[in-house]
């Protein structure tokens, strides 16, 4: 009895101490909006409130008044909120780019995204993860949503005094919930979302979505075959998954299958996630779990960090701060326990502090020596660079030469001069002729295309060419 009372008192104290660290997570699909209110406790988050609404005919903004009233009742106005959007409303694709694109990857992706997705770049919000790299190419997992969805969500947030901090596709939010609220998953694992007639199958390794398969299925046996085939493929590639996490609208069709026989992995379902205040009966699991995963962004860091919300639209909030008085209370309780335990413990702490200070001083000396060596190395590199720069004509000379030799039917989008090289990008009536034009110049050599020529709707050839700049000693 006494033990039970102590646990209850401790739970009340921890809840009071951590009050104010609340966060909201939302899930949005074609028919519903789900909202979860989470608060950070001393050890794990706890769910304070959940709500679920049918979308009215006018869409998301038709719920503005209802959401505002609900947040007022919850005491959650002005709280940070993250949104998880159904994967059926967005886009996800594996794309390949030349390795050279890594130097300026965000701009390259924004330039090239309309080649990979059905909407133009200005109609999308997107993010990506680097899923793989070879000596010549990068593989990206690209995720995107139509911008009109985000604009509708931001209007609702503004009307309800919410602070939007993130937007992500629902399977990614669900993966974060599994990763944070279950025993730590292995470095390589699978997430399977089972819908009524569709699915998403993600391979996650080192907190990066390496593969994303999605489509339609007719039966649970097809899902089992897909999962088993992915396990075999990854095992053959040396990236065998160590677990399978399963959630969805129609998990029942998997319960009657031979999943455990065909997929020899530990299987974790959403119903095995235990969080104080979480009621799996209140909302369908395939809607509640992504909303919960989205809410976790507001109370700490999440392992999979993709965020489709443009930086300019993200609210600046302090996600995990505690009130100063509560921090002091925790410190006071800790010091009281240490003092009551033994005076010898205090002496030990003092000794450890002295040892730490000595270690820090030793580390500072090492860092100073290291910085001195780096400074000397940088000075030598600077001298080498200055010598090399003197060997090449100035940028103005290069621009003058290009202005004179580029044909009139050719237009340049960009020009980069770097490290004795130039890189041209543009369109031309005959891109192949440019190689010989540049080679005939006294300023360029080793001219070649960086990427394949692409023909636009007007018949112009879009090209990207690089060439080495000849040094002064070679006829500039």
Protein backbone atom coordinates (compact mmCIF):
# COMPACT_ATOMS: atom_id res chain seq x y z
CA UNK A 1 0.00 0.00 0.00
CA UNK A 2 2.77 2.46 1.00
CA UNK A 3 4.69 1.57 -2.15
CA UNK A 4 1.65 2.34 -4.27
CA UNK A 5 1.20 5.72 -2.56
CA UNK A 6 4.85 6.61 -3.13
CA UNK A 7 4.59 5.74 -6.83
CA UNK A 8 1.45 7.88 -7.13
CA UNK A 9 3.12 10.83 -5.38
CA UNK A 10 6.17 10.51 -7.63
CA UNK A 11 3.99 10.40 -10.74
CA UNK A 12 2.15 13.56 -9.64
CA UNK A 13 5.43 15.32 -8.85
CA UNK A 14 7.03 14.42 -12.18
CA UNK A 15 3.95 15.58 -14.07
CA UNK A 16 3.95 18.91 -12.25
CA UNK A 17 7.69 19.41 -12.72
CA UNK A 18 7.49 18.84 -16.46
CA UNK A 19 4.29 20.84 -17.04
CA UNK A 20 4.60 23.27 -19.91
CA UNK A 21 6.58 20.96 -22.19
CA UNK A 22 3.49 20.16 -24.27
CA UNK A 23 3.37 19.42 -27.98
CA UNK A 24 0.69 18.66 -30.56
CA UNK A 25 0.76 16.15 -33.38
CA UNK A 26 -1.77 15.99 -36.20
CA UNK A 27 -2.63 13.40 -38.85
CA UNK A 28 -4.43 14.45 -42.03
CA UNK A 29 -5.87 12.22 -44.75
CA UNK A 30 -8.66 12.59 -47.31
CA UNK A 31 -11.45 12.13 -44.75
CA UNK A 32 -10.18 12.90 -41.23
CA UNK A 33 -8.03 15.09 -39.01
CA UNK A 34 -6.63 13.56 -35.81
CA UNK A 35 -5.00 15.63 -33.07
CA UNK A 36 -2.85 14.32 -30.19
CA UNK A 37 -1.66 16.40 -27.22
CA UNK A 38 1.55 15.08 -25.66
CA UNK A 39 3.46 16.24 -22.62
CA UNK A 40 7.03 15.35 -21.71
CA UNK A 41 7.32 13.49 -18.39
CA UNK A 42 10.59 12.86 -16.57
CA UNK A 43 11.21 9.58 -18.41
CA UNK A 44 8.73 9.09 -21.27
CA UNK A 45 6.07 11.28 -22.91
CA UNK A 46 2.45 10.93 -21.89
CA UNK A 47 -0.70 11.56 -23.93
CA UNK A 48 -2.98 14.18 -22.39
CA UNK A 49 -5.72 14.45 -25.03
CA UNK A 50 -6.78 13.07 -28.41
CA UNK A 51 -9.47 14.19 -30.86
CA UNK A 52 -10.67 13.03 -34.26
CA UNK A 53 -12.91 14.86 -36.73
CA UNK A 54 -14.45 14.08 -40.12
CA UNK A 55 -13.38 16.62 -42.74
CA UNK A 56 -16.30 18.84 -43.80
CA UNK A 57 -17.12 19.60 -47.42
CA UNK A 58 -15.00 22.79 -47.38
CA UNK A 59 -11.98 20.78 -46.32
CA UNK A 60 -9.46 21.39 -43.54
CA UNK A 61 -10.30 25.05 -43.02
CA UNK A 62 -13.87 24.10 -42.16
CA UNK A 63 -12.51 22.73 -38.87
CA UNK A 64 -10.77 25.97 -37.81
CA UNK A 65 -13.34 27.01 -35.18
CA UNK A 66 -13.68 23.46 -33.83
CA UNK A 67 -9.91 23.02 -33.50
CA UNK A 68 -9.52 26.41 -31.80
CA UNK A 69 -12.25 25.59 -29.26
CA UNK A 70 -10.70 22.19 -28.56
CA UNK A 71 -7.24 23.67 -28.00
CA UNK A 72 -8.72 26.27 -25.67
CA UNK A 73 -10.33 23.49 -23.62
CA UNK A 74 -7.04 21.54 -23.57
CA UNK A 75 -5.01 24.61 -22.57
CA UNK A 76 -2.85 24.01 -25.64
CA UNK A 77 -3.21 27.28 -27.56
CA UNK A 78 0.09 28.60 -28.89
CA UNK A 79 1.63 25.09 -28.67
CA UNK A 80 4.14 23.73 -31.21
CA UNK A 81 2.47 21.38 -33.68
CA UNK A 82 3.78 18.88 -36.25
CA UNK A 83 1.69 17.45 -39.08
CA UNK A 84 1.79 13.94 -40.53
CA UNK A 85 0.07 13.68 -43.93
CA UNK A 86 -1.26 10.45 -45.42
CA UNK A 87 1.20 9.02 -47.93
CA UNK A 88 -1.70 8.82 -50.41
CA UNK A 89 -1.77 12.62 -50.59
CA UNK A 90 1.94 13.01 -51.29
CA UNK A 91 4.77 11.73 -53.43
CA UNK A 92 7.83 9.57 -52.65
CA UNK A 93 10.43 8.38 -55.12
CA UNK A 94 13.98 7.06 -55.31
CA UNK A 95 16.03 9.29 -57.64
CA UNK A 96 19.60 9.20 -58.89
CA UNK A 97 21.85 12.22 -59.46
CA UNK A 98 25.49 12.62 -60.48
CA UNK A 99 27.87 12.62 -57.51
CA UNK A 100 28.96 16.14 -58.45
CA UNK A 101 25.51 17.37 -57.41
CA UNK A 102 26.40 16.80 -53.75
CA UNK A 103 28.34 20.06 -53.62
CA UNK A 104 25.09 22.03 -53.90
CA UNK A 105 22.48 19.35 -53.40
CA UNK A 106 19.46 21.42 -52.19
CA UNK A 107 19.61 23.68 -55.26
CA UNK A 108 20.19 20.78 -57.63
CA UNK A 109 17.17 18.91 -56.25
CA UNK A 110 14.99 22.00 -56.52
CA UNK A 111 16.11 22.49 -60.17
CA UNK A 112 15.57 18.85 -61.10
CA UNK A 113 12.48 17.95 -59.03
CA UNK A 114 9.99 18.57 -61.83
CA UNK A 115 11.76 15.81 -63.81
CA UNK A 116 10.93 13.31 -61.07
CA UNK A 117 7.46 14.39 -59.88
CA UNK A 118 4.28 15.37 -61.74
CA UNK A 119 4.18 18.94 -60.34
CA UNK A 120 6.55 21.88 -60.86
CA UNK A 121 8.98 22.85 -58.11
CA UNK A 122 6.99 25.99 -57.18
CA UNK A 123 3.92 23.82 -56.58
CA UNK A 124 5.66 21.45 -54.15
CA UNK A 125 7.20 21.34 -50.71
CA UNK A 126 9.78 18.59 -50.36
CA UNK A 127 12.67 17.07 -48.46
CA UNK A 128 15.03 14.17 -49.08
CA UNK A 129 17.55 11.82 -47.52
CA UNK A 130 20.72 10.45 -49.10
CA UNK A 131 19.93 6.74 -49.37
CA UNK A 132 23.14 5.64 -51.08
CA UNK A 133 26.30 6.76 -52.84
CA UNK A 134 28.67 5.26 -55.39
CA UNK A 135 31.81 6.63 -57.02
CA UNK A 136 29.69 8.36 -59.66
CA UNK A 137 26.12 8.77 -58.37
CA UNK A 138 23.92 9.66 -55.40
CA UNK A 139 20.63 7.92 -54.61
CA UNK A 140 18.03 10.05 -52.82
CA UNK A 141 14.74 9.18 -51.13
CA UNK A 142 12.60 12.12 -52.24
CA UNK A 143 9.38 13.02 -50.36
CA UNK A 144 7.00 15.81 -51.39
CA UNK A 145 3.52 17.29 -50.94
CA UNK A 146 1.50 19.74 -53.04
CA UNK A 147 2.09 23.26 -51.71
CA UNK A 148 -1.65 23.95 -51.59
CA UNK A 149 -2.02 21.37 -48.78
CA UNK A 150 0.62 23.12 -46.69
CA UNK A 151 -0.91 26.54 -47.29
CA UNK A 152 -4.29 25.27 -46.05
CA UNK A 153 -2.62 23.80 -42.95
CA UNK A 154 -0.72 27.03 -42.23
CA UNK A 155 -3.95 29.03 -42.47
CA UNK A 156 -5.56 26.75 -39.88
CA UNK A 157 -2.51 27.07 -37.60
CA UNK A 158 -2.59 30.86 -37.83
CA UNK A 159 -6.30 30.99 -37.01
CA UNK A 160 -5.91 28.57 -34.06
CA UNK A 161 -2.73 30.24 -32.65
CA UNK A 162 -0.61 27.15 -33.30
CA UNK A 163 3.12 27.15 -34.01
CA UNK A 164 3.86 24.82 -36.94
CA UNK A 165 7.33 23.28 -36.70
CA UNK A 166 7.25 20.30 -39.10
CA UNK A 167 5.36 18.46 -41.83
CA UNK A 168 6.15 14.87 -42.84
CA UNK A 169 4.58 11.88 -44.56
CA UNK A 170 2.66 9.66 -42.14
CA UNK A 171 4.84 6.49 -42.44
CA UNK A 172 7.91 8.52 -41.42
CA UNK A 173 6.07 9.86 -38.34
CA UNK A 174 4.96 6.30 -37.49
CA UNK A 175 8.56 5.10 -37.84
CA UNK A 176 9.69 7.75 -35.35
CA UNK A 177 7.02 6.59 -32.90
CA UNK A 178 8.23 2.98 -33.15
CA UNK A 179 11.86 4.05 -32.81
CA UNK A 180 11.25 6.19 -29.69
CA UNK A 181 8.51 4.28 -27.85
CA UNK A 182 9.61 0.65 -28.26
CA UNK A 183 12.84 -1.13 -27.31
CA UNK A 184 15.55 0.39 -29.47
CA UNK A 185 15.27 -1.05 -32.99
CA UNK A 186 18.32 -2.47 -34.78
CA UNK A 187 20.24 -0.27 -37.22
CA UNK A 188 18.40 -1.92 -40.14
CA UNK A 189 14.64 -2.58 -39.89
CA UNK A 190 11.41 -2.60 -41.87
CA UNK A 191 8.16 -0.65 -41.40
CA UNK A 192 5.01 -2.03 -43.04
CA UNK A 193 1.79 -0.01 -43.24
CA UNK A 194 -1.16 -2.18 -44.20
CA UNK A 195 -4.13 -0.29 -45.64
CA UNK A 196 -7.49 -1.65 -46.72
CA UNK A 197 -6.17 -2.20 -50.24
CA UNK A 198 -2.78 -0.49 -50.29
CA UNK A 199 0.54 -0.53 -48.43
CA UNK A 200 3.81 1.25 -47.68
CA UNK A 201 6.96 -0.79 -47.01
CA UNK A 202 9.99 1.18 -45.80
CA UNK A 203 13.53 -0.05 -45.22
CA UNK A 204 15.19 2.13 -42.58
CA UNK A 205 18.91 1.86 -41.89
CA UNK A 206 20.88 4.23 -39.67
CA UNK A 207 17.79 6.48 -39.41
CA UNK A 208 17.65 6.94 -43.20
CA UNK A 209 14.80 5.71 -45.42
CA UNK A 210 16.84 3.61 -47.85
CA UNK A 211 13.91 2.11 -49.81
CA UNK A 212 10.21 2.98 -50.01
CA UNK A 213 7.85 0.59 -51.78
CA UNK A 214 4.13 1.39 -52.05
CA UNK A 215 1.18 0.18 -54.08
CA UNK A 216 -2.09 -1.68 -53.95
CA UNK A 217 -2.72 -5.24 -52.73
CA UNK A 218 -5.69 -7.54 -52.69
CA UNK A 219 -4.89 -9.81 -49.76
CA UNK A 220 -2.78 -10.22 -46.66
CA UNK A 221 -0.85 -13.03 -48.34
CA UNK A 222 0.42 -10.55 -50.94
CA UNK A 223 1.72 -8.33 -48.17
CA UNK A 224 3.46 -11.28 -46.55
CA UNK A 225 5.10 -12.15 -49.87
CA UNK A 226 6.23 -8.53 -50.33
CA UNK A 227 7.73 -8.36 -46.85
CA UNK A 228 9.42 -11.75 -47.19
CA UNK A 229 10.82 -10.82 -50.62
CA UNK A 230 12.24 -7.56 -49.25
CA UNK A 231 13.90 -9.41 -46.36
CA UNK A 232 15.53 -11.85 -48.80
CA UNK A 233 16.67 -9.02 -51.10
CA UNK A 234 18.20 -6.98 -48.30
CA UNK A 235 19.87 -10.04 -46.78
CA UNK A 236 21.48 -10.86 -50.12
CA UNK A 237 22.71 -7.23 -50.34
CA UNK A 238 24.33 -7.43 -46.90
CA UNK A 239 21.78 -5.17 -45.15
CA UNK A 240 19.57 -7.79 -43.49
CA UNK A 241 16.82 -6.13 -41.38
CA UNK A 242 16.66 -7.04 -37.69
CA UNK A 243 12.98 -6.30 -37.03
CA UNK A 244 9.61 -5.61 -38.68
CA UNK A 245 7.25 -2.94 -37.30
CA UNK A 246 3.65 -3.27 -38.44
CA UNK A 247 0.68 -0.89 -38.32
CA UNK A 248 -2.30 -0.02 -40.48
CA UNK A 249 -6.00 0.22 -41.13
CA UNK A 250 -6.39 -3.46 -41.89
CA UNK A 251 -3.92 -5.36 -39.76
CA UNK A 252 -6.57 -8.06 -39.37
CA UNK A 253 -5.86 -9.44 -42.80
CA UNK A 254 -2.29 -10.09 -41.70
CA UNK A 255 -3.24 -11.83 -38.46
CA UNK A 256 -4.66 -14.78 -40.38
CA UNK A 257 -1.63 -15.07 -42.63
CA UNK A 258 1.68 -16.84 -42.24
CA UNK A 259 3.62 -13.65 -41.52
CA UNK A 260 5.72 -15.05 -38.69
CA UNK A 261 6.53 -18.16 -40.70
CA UNK A 262 7.53 -16.29 -43.86
CA UNK A 263 9.31 -13.35 -42.20
CA UNK A 264 11.77 -14.72 -39.60
CA UNK A 265 12.09 -11.41 -37.72
CA UNK A 266 10.83 -10.00 -34.42
CA UNK A 267 7.49 -8.33 -35.23
CA UNK A 268 6.29 -5.24 -33.34
CA UNK A 269 2.71 -3.95 -33.76
CA UNK A 270 1.35 -0.55 -32.77
CA UNK A 271 -0.80 -2.10 -30.04
CA UNK A 272 2.42 -3.07 -28.22
CA UNK A 273 3.35 0.60 -27.75
CA UNK A 274 2.51 1.53 -24.17
CA UNK A 275 2.31 5.24 -23.34
CA UNK A 276 0.48 6.72 -20.38
CA UNK A 277 -2.85 8.18 -21.51
CA UNK A 278 -2.76 6.45 -24.92
CA UNK A 279 -6.02 4.71 -25.81
CA UNK A 280 -5.84 2.65 -28.98
CA UNK A 281 -9.64 2.31 -28.91
CA UNK A 282 -10.18 6.07 -29.24
CA UNK A 283 -9.03 6.42 -32.87
CA UNK A 284 -7.99 3.99 -35.61
CA UNK A 285 -4.36 2.98 -35.09
CA UNK A 286 -3.29 3.95 -38.63
CA UNK A 287 -4.36 7.55 -37.85
CA UNK A 288 -3.41 7.76 -34.18
CA UNK A 289 0.13 6.38 -34.51
CA UNK A 290 1.39 8.97 -37.09
CA UNK A 291 -0.20 11.79 -35.05
CA UNK A 292 1.62 10.50 -31.97
CA UNK A 293 4.90 10.25 -33.89
CA UNK A 294 4.47 13.82 -35.16
CA UNK A 295 3.81 15.10 -31.61
CA UNK A 296 7.11 13.60 -30.42
CA UNK A 297 8.97 16.23 -32.48
CA UNK A 298 7.80 18.89 -30.02
CA UNK A 299 9.16 17.17 -26.90
CA UNK A 300 12.59 16.10 -28.16
CA UNK A 301 14.61 14.97 -31.11
CA UNK A 302 13.36 12.32 -33.51
CA UNK A 303 15.71 9.91 -35.32
CA UNK A 304 14.31 10.40 -38.85
CA UNK A 305 14.55 14.16 -39.35
CA UNK A 306 12.89 14.81 -42.72
CA UNK A 307 10.80 17.98 -42.66
CA UNK A 308 8.76 19.09 -45.69
CA UNK A 309 7.74 22.41 -44.11
CA UNK A 310 9.80 25.24 -45.70
CA UNK A 311 12.16 26.86 -43.21
CA UNK A 312 10.52 30.24 -43.65
CA UNK A 313 7.19 28.80 -42.44
CA UNK A 314 8.59 27.04 -39.36
CA UNK A 315 7.83 28.68 -36.04
CA UNK A 316 10.79 29.41 -33.78
CA UNK A 317 10.02 27.53 -30.57
CA UNK A 318 12.04 26.08 -27.73
CA UNK A 319 10.99 22.46 -27.82
CA UNK A 320 12.28 20.92 -24.61
CA UNK A 321 12.83 23.81 -22.21
CA UNK A 322 11.80 23.60 -18.56
CA UNK A 323 11.00 26.47 -16.28
CA UNK A 324 14.02 27.63 -14.28
CA UNK A 325 12.29 27.08 -10.93
CA UNK A 326 11.55 23.47 -11.82
CA UNK A 327 15.12 22.86 -12.91
CA UNK A 328 16.30 24.26 -9.57
CA UNK A 329 13.81 22.01 -7.78
CA UNK A 330 15.23 18.93 -9.48
CA UNK A 331 18.77 20.00 -8.62
CA UNK A 332 17.79 20.67 -5.00
CA UNK A 333 16.22 17.25 -4.59
CA UNK A 334 19.26 15.60 -6.17
CA UNK A 335 21.70 17.45 -3.91
CA UNK A 336 19.62 16.64 -0.82
CA UNK A 337 19.71 12.93 -1.64
CA UNK A 338 23.47 13.05 -2.19
CA UNK A 339 24.03 14.95 1.07
CA UNK A 340 21.89 12.55 3.10
CA UNK A 341 23.58 9.51 1.64
CA UNK A 342 27.08 10.21 2.92
CA UNK A 343 29.66 12.94 3.40
CA UNK A 344 32.11 10.68 1.63
CA UNK A 345 30.05 10.92 -1.55
CA UNK A 346 30.54 14.68 -1.53
CA UNK A 347 34.30 14.23 -1.24
CA UNK A 348 34.20 11.80 -4.13
CA UNK A 349 32.28 14.31 -6.22
CA UNK A 350 34.87 17.00 -5.44
CA UNK A 351 37.66 14.64 -6.46
CA UNK A 352 35.88 13.80 -9.71
CA UNK A 353 35.40 17.51 -10.43
CA UNK A 354 39.12 18.18 -9.94
CA UNK A 355 39.98 15.27 -12.23
CA UNK A 356 37.55 16.57 -14.85
CA UNK A 357 39.12 20.03 -14.71
CA UNK A 358 42.58 18.54 -15.18
CA UNK A 359 41.27 16.50 -18.11
CA UNK A 360 39.73 19.62 -19.65
CA UNK A 361 43.02 21.52 -19.31
CA UNK A 362 44.88 18.66 -20.97
CA UNK A 363 42.28 18.61 -23.73
CA UNK A 364 42.62 22.40 -24.20
CA UNK A 365 46.39 22.08 -24.63
CA UNK A 366 45.93 19.35 -27.21
CA UNK A 367 43.34 21.41 -29.08
CA UNK A 368 45.66 24.45 -29.11
CA UNK A 369 48.51 22.37 -30.53
CA UNK A 370 46.16 20.91 -33.10
CA UNK A 371 44.91 24.36 -34.15
CA UNK A 372 48.49 25.60 -34.48
CA UNK A 373 49.34 22.71 -36.78
CA UNK A 374 46.16 23.36 -38.78
CA UNK A 375 47.06 27.06 -39.10
CA UNK A 376 50.49 26.21 -40.46
CA UNK A 377 48.97 23.75 -42.90
CA UNK A 378 46.40 26.31 -44.05
CA UNK A 379 49.15 28.89 -44.59
CA UNK A 380 51.01 26.47 -46.85
CA UNK A 381 47.78 25.65 -48.73
CA UNK A 382 47.11 29.37 -49.22
CA UNK A 383 50.55 29.88 -50.73
CA UNK A 384 49.97 26.95 -53.09
CA UNK A 385 46.57 28.31 -54.09
CA UNK A 386 47.98 31.79 -54.81
CA UNK A 387 50.65 30.27 -57.03
CA UNK A 388 48.06 28.27 -58.94
CA UNK A 389 45.70 31.25 -59.31
CA UNK A 390 48.49 33.29 -60.89
CA UNK A 391 48.81 30.67 -63.62
CA UNK A 392 45.29 31.21 -64.92
CA UNK A 393 43.61 34.13 -66.70
CA UNK A 394 41.19 36.29 -64.70
CA UNK A 395 37.45 35.69 -64.62
CA UNK A 396 36.81 38.84 -66.68
CA UNK A 397 39.08 37.51 -69.44
CA UNK A 398 37.14 34.22 -69.42
CA UNK A 399 33.80 36.04 -69.65
CA UNK A 400 35.06 38.16 -72.55
CA UNK A 401 36.25 35.05 -74.40
CA UNK A 402 32.94 33.22 -73.90
CA UNK A 403 30.97 36.28 -75.05
CA UNK A 404 32.93 36.27 -78.30
CA UNK A 405 32.85 32.55 -79.12
CA UNK A 406 29.43 31.36 -77.93
CA UNK A 407 27.06 31.12 -80.96
CA UNK A 408 23.98 33.33 -81.12
CA UNK A 409 21.64 30.31 -80.95
CA UNK A 410 23.04 29.39 -77.54
CA UNK A 411 21.84 30.77 -74.19
CA UNK A 412 23.59 30.22 -70.87
CA UNK A 413 21.69 29.65 -67.59
CA UNK A 414 24.73 29.46 -65.37
CA UNK A 415 28.53 29.77 -65.44
CA UNK A 416 30.89 28.52 -62.72
CA UNK A 417 34.60 29.23 -62.64
CA UNK A 418 36.37 27.20 -59.95
CA UNK A 419 39.72 25.51 -59.40
CA UNK A 420 40.95 25.99 -62.99
CA UNK A 421 37.66 24.78 -64.49
CA UNK A 422 34.52 26.29 -65.94
CA UNK A 423 31.08 24.72 -66.01
CA UNK A 424 28.43 26.00 -68.41
CA UNK A 425 24.71 25.18 -68.37
CA UNK A 426 22.11 26.38 -70.84
CA UNK A 427 20.27 25.55 -74.05
CA UNK A 428 21.34 25.61 -77.68
CA UNK A 429 20.09 24.74 -81.14
CA UNK A 430 23.12 22.41 -81.40
CA UNK A 431 24.82 21.64 -78.09
CA UNK A 432 27.31 19.23 -79.71
CA UNK A 433 28.89 22.10 -81.69
CA UNK A 434 29.88 23.82 -78.45
CA UNK A 435 32.57 21.23 -77.71
CA UNK A 436 34.55 22.12 -80.82
CA UNK A 437 33.93 25.87 -80.34
CA UNK A 438 35.41 25.74 -76.84
CA UNK A 439 38.30 23.49 -77.84
CA UNK A 440 39.34 25.97 -80.56
CA UNK A 441 39.72 28.71 -77.97
CA UNK A 442 43.15 29.47 -76.55
CA UNK A 443 41.68 29.37 -73.06
CA UNK A 444 39.99 25.94 -72.77
CA UNK A 445 40.90 22.28 -73.05
CA UNK A 446 39.51 18.83 -72.08
CA UNK A 447 35.97 19.97 -72.88
CA UNK A 448 33.20 17.43 -72.18
CA UNK A 449 29.51 17.10 -71.28
CA UNK A 450 28.75 16.71 -67.57
CA UNK A 451 25.29 15.20 -68.14
CA UNK A 452 23.28 13.87 -71.10
CA UNK A 453 21.75 16.37 -73.52
CA UNK A 454 18.00 16.84 -72.99
CA UNK A 455 15.70 18.31 -75.66
CA UNK A 456 12.91 20.64 -74.48
CA UNK A 457 9.46 21.16 -76.04
CA UNK A 458 10.80 23.87 -78.40
CA UNK A 459 13.48 21.56 -79.79
CA UNK A 460 16.35 23.27 -77.98
CA UNK A 461 19.06 21.07 -76.47
CA UNK A 462 19.64 21.58 -72.75
CA UNK A 463 23.27 20.92 -71.86
CA UNK A 464 25.85 21.07 -69.11
CA UNK A 465 29.53 21.26 -70.17
CA UNK A 466 32.77 21.53 -68.23
CA UNK A 467 36.28 22.41 -69.46
CA UNK A 468 39.69 23.04 -67.99
CA UNK A 469 41.14 26.56 -68.22
CA UNK A 470 44.56 26.68 -69.83
CA UNK A 471 47.32 28.24 -67.79
CA UNK A 472 49.14 31.34 -68.90
CA UNK A 473 52.13 29.23 -69.77
CA UNK A 474 50.04 27.32 -72.29
CA UNK A 475 48.83 30.18 -74.45
CA UNK A 476 46.35 32.33 -72.58
